[in-house]
Amino acid sequence: MYTPGNIPTDSIESLQLALKEELYKISESFKVGEFETINLQLLSAALDKQRAGDLINADGTNYDPGSGAGIYWFDGTIYTKLG
């Protein structure tokens, strides 16, 4: 899990270094996958640009990719309902 560090106020150089370190820590937390939860926004319309690997949460009423409300995975061609 990402925990922010202290932000230096003594110089621009220190701030630049701290920012670089924080961005590195954030990117590493994504790589490791240290998440307690993932909250997908409820969609009521299709995405403008679908990409293989997308996970979506469809409302099932205004937007139904195939099997009603739920979580779907896009393989690049079709959506598969996961739950």
Protein backbone atom coordinates (compact mmCIF):
# COMPACT_ATOMS: atom_id res chain seq x y z
CA MET A 1 0.00 0.00 0.00
CA TYR A 2 1.23 3.50 -0.83
CA THR A 3 1.95 5.80 2.07
CA PRO A 4 2.95 9.38 1.25
CA GLY A 5 6.24 10.71 2.56
CA ASN A 6 7.08 14.13 3.90
CA ILE A 7 7.32 17.04 1.47
CA PRO A 8 10.50 19.11 1.89
CA THR A 9 10.25 22.88 1.92
CA ASP A 10 13.93 23.82 1.99
CA SER A 11 14.65 23.97 -1.76
CA ILE A 12 13.28 23.28 -5.22
CA GLU A 13 15.91 20.57 -5.68
CA SER A 14 14.71 18.73 -2.55
CA LEU A 15 11.12 19.05 -3.71
CA GLN A 16 12.02 17.66 -7.15
CA LEU A 17 13.78 14.67 -5.59
CA ALA A 18 10.90 14.02 -3.19
CA LEU A 19 8.38 14.19 -6.04
CA LYS A 20 10.41 11.71 -8.08
CA GLU A 21 10.58 9.33 -5.08
CA GLU A 22 6.83 9.62 -4.43
CA LEU A 23 5.96 8.91 -8.07
CA TYR A 24 8.23 5.86 -7.96
CA LYS A 25 6.52 4.60 -4.78
CA ILE A 26 3.10 5.09 -6.38
CA SER A 27 4.09 3.21 -9.53
CA GLU A 28 5.55 0.36 -7.47
CA SER A 29 2.34 0.03 -5.45
CA PHE A 30 0.42 -0.50 -8.71
CA LYS A 31 2.89 -3.13 -9.88
CA VAL A 32 2.65 -5.10 -6.66
CA GLY A 33 -1.14 -4.83 -6.64
CA GLU A 34 -1.44 -3.88 -3.01
CA PHE A 35 -5.13 -3.00 -3.05
CA GLU A 36 -7.71 -3.81 -0.43
CA THR A 37 -10.53 -3.07 -2.89
CA ILE A 38 -11.12 -1.88 -6.42
CA ASN A 39 -14.23 0.22 -6.94
CA LEU A 40 -15.50 0.33 -10.52
CA GLN A 41 -17.75 3.25 -11.43
CA LEU A 42 -21.26 2.14 -12.44
CA LEU A 43 -21.60 2.80 -16.17
CA SER A 44 -24.89 3.72 -17.83
CA ALA A 45 -23.35 4.00 -21.32
CA ALA A 46 -20.67 2.20 -23.31
CA LEU A 47 -17.09 3.45 -23.15
CA ASP A 48 -16.02 5.68 -26.03
CA LYS A 49 -12.82 3.69 -26.54
CA GLN A 50 -12.93 0.05 -25.49
CA ARG A 51 -9.59 -1.69 -24.94
CA ALA A 52 -8.76 -5.35 -24.47
CA GLY A 53 -8.48 -5.99 -20.75
CA ASP A 54 -11.05 -3.39 -19.66
CA LEU A 55 -13.13 -4.22 -16.59
CA ILE A 56 -16.44 -2.41 -16.35
CA ASN A 57 -19.44 -2.27 -14.03
CA ALA A 58 -22.56 -2.00 -16.22
CA ASP A 59 -25.87 -0.85 -14.75
CA GLY A 60 -27.80 -3.38 -16.87
CA THR A 61 -30.61 -0.94 -17.66
CA ASN A 62 -29.23 1.94 -19.73
CA TYR A 63 -26.11 -0.04 -20.59
CA ASP A 64 -26.22 -3.82 -20.94
CA PRO A 65 -23.19 -5.46 -22.59
CA GLY A 66 -24.96 -8.80 -22.72
CA SER A 67 -26.22 -10.31 -19.47
CA GLY A 68 -27.69 -7.52 -17.37
CA ALA A 69 -26.12 -5.60 -14.51
CA GLY A 70 -22.69 -6.62 -13.30
CA ILE A 71 -18.95 -6.72 -13.82
CA TYR A 72 -17.67 -7.49 -17.33
CA TRP A 73 -14.25 -8.14 -18.87
CA PHE A 74 -13.54 -7.06 -22.46
CA ASP A 75 -11.24 -9.39 -24.43
CA GLY A 76 -10.87 -7.04 -27.40
CA THR A 77 -13.93 -8.43 -29.18
CA ILE A 78 -16.69 -9.25 -26.68
CA TYR A 79 -17.62 -8.63 -23.06
CA THR A 80 -17.78 -11.58 -20.66
CA LYS A 81 -19.79 -11.23 -17.46
CA LEU A 82 -17.76 -12.04 -14.36
CA GLY A 83 -20.38 -11.45 -11.73
